[in-house]
Amino acid sequence: GVMCVREERAQAIESSLTKWRYISVSGDPISIRLTPDIEGVRSETDLLPGDVFEVAEEMPGMNGVLFLRMADGTGWVFDQKPGRGVMCVREERAQA
């Protein structure tokens, strides 16, 4: 039935997620943005250094920045910040 189709679609979407880790040279948290913009409005949610999160979409931006849409719907972060360096790194795919 319809529920089976939705379940299959959900599994396909889930399998396309990538895992990323927030790393911080300064040790500071990063505020999740509401839009794919480094200077965008910040959500009330932060990532702490070492946090691993799932990404549903990767969107190239200016200056080589890759914007990462959080799979949980909280917003966007970015893989690097010009002048600051690398912010997030992709985790190796682990087979469960």
C-alpha atoms as a PDB file:
ATOM      1  CA  GLY A   1       0.000   0.000   0.000  1.00  0.00           C
ATOM      2  CA  VAL A   2       0.883   3.653   0.209  1.00  0.00           C
ATOM      3  CA  MET A   3       2.752   3.192   3.482  1.00  0.00           C
ATOM      4  CA  CYS A   4       5.141   0.715   1.888  1.00  0.00           C
ATOM      5  CA  VAL A   5       6.009   3.194  -0.851  1.00  0.00           C
ATOM      6  CA  ARG A   6       6.696   5.915   1.695  1.00  0.00           C
ATOM      7  CA  GLU A   7       8.858   3.604   3.749  1.00  0.00           C
ATOM      8  CA  GLU A   8      10.955   2.660   0.716  1.00  0.00           C
ATOM      9  CA  ARG A   9      11.358   6.326  -0.188  1.00  0.00           C
ATOM     10  CA  ALA A  10      12.400   7.175   3.375  1.00  0.00           C
ATOM     11  CA  GLN A  11      15.030   4.442   3.329  1.00  0.00           C
ATOM     12  CA  ALA A  12      16.423   5.705   0.017  1.00  0.00           C
ATOM     13  CA  ILE A  13      16.679   9.248   1.389  1.00  0.00           C
ATOM     14  CA  GLU A  14      18.270   8.042   4.603  1.00  0.00           C
ATOM     15  CA  SER A  15      20.928   6.064   2.726  1.00  0.00           C
ATOM     16  CA  SER A  16      21.985   9.218   0.855  1.00  0.00           C
ATOM     17  CA  LEU A  17      22.801  11.109   4.067  1.00  0.00           C
ATOM     18  CA  THR A  18      26.441  11.851   4.796  1.00  0.00           C
ATOM     19  CA  LYS A  19      28.053  12.181   8.210  1.00  0.00           C
ATOM     20  CA  TRP A  20      30.181  15.208   9.045  1.00  0.00           C
ATOM     21  CA  ARG A  21      32.148  16.271  12.141  1.00  0.00           C
ATOM     22  CA  TYR A  22      32.481  19.819  13.418  1.00  0.00           C
ATOM     23  CA  ILE A  23      36.099  20.600  14.201  1.00  0.00           C
ATOM     24  CA  SER A  24      37.162  23.901  15.695  1.00  0.00           C
ATOM     25  CA  VAL A  25      40.648  25.336  15.808  1.00  0.00           C
ATOM     26  CA  SER A  26      39.478  27.865  18.416  1.00  0.00           C
ATOM     27  CA  GLY A  27      37.374  25.408  20.435  1.00  0.00           C
ATOM     28  CA  ASP A  28      34.292  27.595  19.976  1.00  0.00           C
ATOM     29  CA  PRO A  29      30.832  26.234  19.133  1.00  0.00           C
ATOM     30  CA  ILE A  30      29.322  27.036  15.726  1.00  0.00           C
ATOM     31  CA  SER A  31      25.807  28.431  15.438  1.00  0.00           C
ATOM     32  CA  ILE A  32      23.598  26.638  12.942  1.00  0.00           C
ATOM     33  CA  ARG A  33      22.320  29.092  10.317  1.00  0.00           C
ATOM     34  CA  LEU A  34      18.703  29.258   9.141  1.00  0.00           C
ATOM     35  CA  THR A  35      19.848  29.796   5.529  1.00  0.00           C
ATOM     36  CA  PRO A  36      22.897  28.670   3.510  1.00  0.00           C
ATOM     37  CA  ASP A  37      24.800  31.878   4.295  1.00  0.00           C
ATOM     38  CA  ILE A  38      27.808  32.311   6.598  1.00  0.00           C
ATOM     39  CA  GLU A  39      26.414  35.700   7.677  1.00  0.00           C
ATOM     40  CA  GLY A  40      22.857  34.324   7.767  1.00  0.00           C
ATOM     41  CA  VAL A  41      20.473  34.438  10.698  1.00  0.00           C
ATOM     42  CA  ARG A  42      21.658  32.066  13.430  1.00  0.00           C
ATOM     43  CA  SER A  43      19.389  29.492  14.978  1.00  0.00           C
ATOM     44  CA  GLU A  44      19.363  28.913  18.721  1.00  0.00           C
ATOM     45  CA  THR A  45      21.180  25.599  18.166  1.00  0.00           C
ATOM     46  CA  ASP A  46      24.972  25.229  18.259  1.00  0.00           C
ATOM     47  CA  LEU A  47      27.339  22.428  17.375  1.00  0.00           C
ATOM     48  CA  LEU A  48      30.210  21.780  19.751  1.00  0.00           C
ATOM     49  CA  PRO A  49      33.683  20.732  18.588  1.00  0.00           C
ATOM     50  CA  GLY A  50      33.676  17.001  17.886  1.00  0.00           C
ATOM     51  CA  ASP A  51      29.918  16.798  17.235  1.00  0.00           C
ATOM     52  CA  VAL A  52      29.009  14.422  14.410  1.00  0.00           C
ATOM     53  CA  PHE A  53      25.882  15.259  12.396  1.00  0.00           C
ATOM     54  CA  GLU A  54      24.041  14.009   9.331  1.00  0.00           C
ATOM     55  CA  VAL A  55      23.784  16.122   6.192  1.00  0.00           C
ATOM     56  CA  ALA A  56      20.894  15.815   3.746  1.00  0.00           C
ATOM     57  CA  GLU A  57      22.160  18.328   1.159  1.00  0.00           C
ATOM     58  CA  GLU A  58      25.480  19.876   0.160  1.00  0.00           C
ATOM     59  CA  MET A  59      25.325  23.197  -1.676  1.00  0.00           C
ATOM     60  CA  PRO A  60      28.401  24.928  -3.152  1.00  0.00           C
ATOM     61  CA  GLY A  61      28.732  28.583  -2.210  1.00  0.00           C
ATOM     62  CA  MET A  62      31.169  31.431  -2.857  1.00  0.00           C
ATOM     63  CA  ASN A  63      34.934  31.118  -2.244  1.00  0.00           C
ATOM     64  CA  GLY A  64      34.890  27.309  -2.235  1.00  0.00           C
ATOM     65  CA  VAL A  65      32.574  27.098   0.784  1.00  0.00           C
ATOM     66  CA  LEU A  66      30.294  24.059   0.894  1.00  0.00           C
ATOM     67  CA  PHE A  67      27.038  24.630   2.779  1.00  0.00           C
ATOM     68  CA  LEU A  68      25.667  21.600   4.625  1.00  0.00           C
ATOM     69  CA  ARG A  69      21.933  21.216   5.294  1.00  0.00           C
ATOM     70  CA  MET A  70      21.405  19.361   8.553  1.00  0.00           C
ATOM     71  CA  ALA A  71      19.336  16.189   8.097  1.00  0.00           C
ATOM     72  CA  ASP A  72      17.401  16.894  11.319  1.00  0.00           C
ATOM     73  CA  GLY A  73      16.001  20.116   9.841  1.00  0.00           C
ATOM     74  CA  THR A  74      17.733  22.510  12.253  1.00  0.00           C
ATOM     75  CA  GLY A  75      19.431  24.497   9.482  1.00  0.00           C
ATOM     76  CA  TRP A  76      22.782  24.905   7.728  1.00  0.00           C
ATOM     77  CA  VAL A  77      26.478  24.925   8.607  1.00  0.00           C
ATOM     78  CA  PHE A  78      29.498  25.194   6.305  1.00  0.00           C
ATOM     79  CA  ASP A  79      32.672  23.200   5.756  1.00  0.00           C
ATOM     80  CA  GLN A  80      35.021  26.191   5.881  1.00  0.00           C
ATOM     81  CA  LYS A  81      35.000  29.899   6.609  1.00  0.00           C
ATOM     82  CA  PRO A  82      37.270  32.210   4.613  1.00  0.00           C
ATOM     83  CA  GLY A  83      39.878  33.631   6.967  1.00  0.00           C
ATOM     84  CA  ARG A  84      39.164  30.974   9.642  1.00  0.00           C
ATOM     85  CA  GLY A  85      39.873  27.721   7.811  1.00  0.00           C
ATOM     86  CA  VAL A  86      38.212  24.317   7.906  1.00  0.00           C
ATOM     87  CA  MET A  87      35.129  24.044  10.116  1.00  0.00           C
ATOM     88  CA  CYS A  88      33.618  20.634   9.254  1.00  0.00           C
ATOM     89  CA  VAL A  89      35.040  17.436   7.772  1.00  0.00           C
ATOM     90  CA  ARG A  90      33.236  14.509   6.180  1.00  0.00           C
ATOM     91  CA  GLU A  91      33.375  11.315   8.208  1.00  0.00           C
ATOM     92  CA  GLU A  92      34.430   8.109   6.524  1.00  0.00           C
ATOM     93  CA  ARG A  93      31.455   5.948   5.605  1.00  0.00           C
ATOM     94  CA  ALA A  94      31.298   3.179   8.191  1.00  0.00           C
ATOM     95  CA  GLN A  95      29.530  -0.057   7.324  1.00  0.00           C
ATOM     96  CA  ALA A  96      27.311  -1.117  10.212  1.00  0.00           C
END
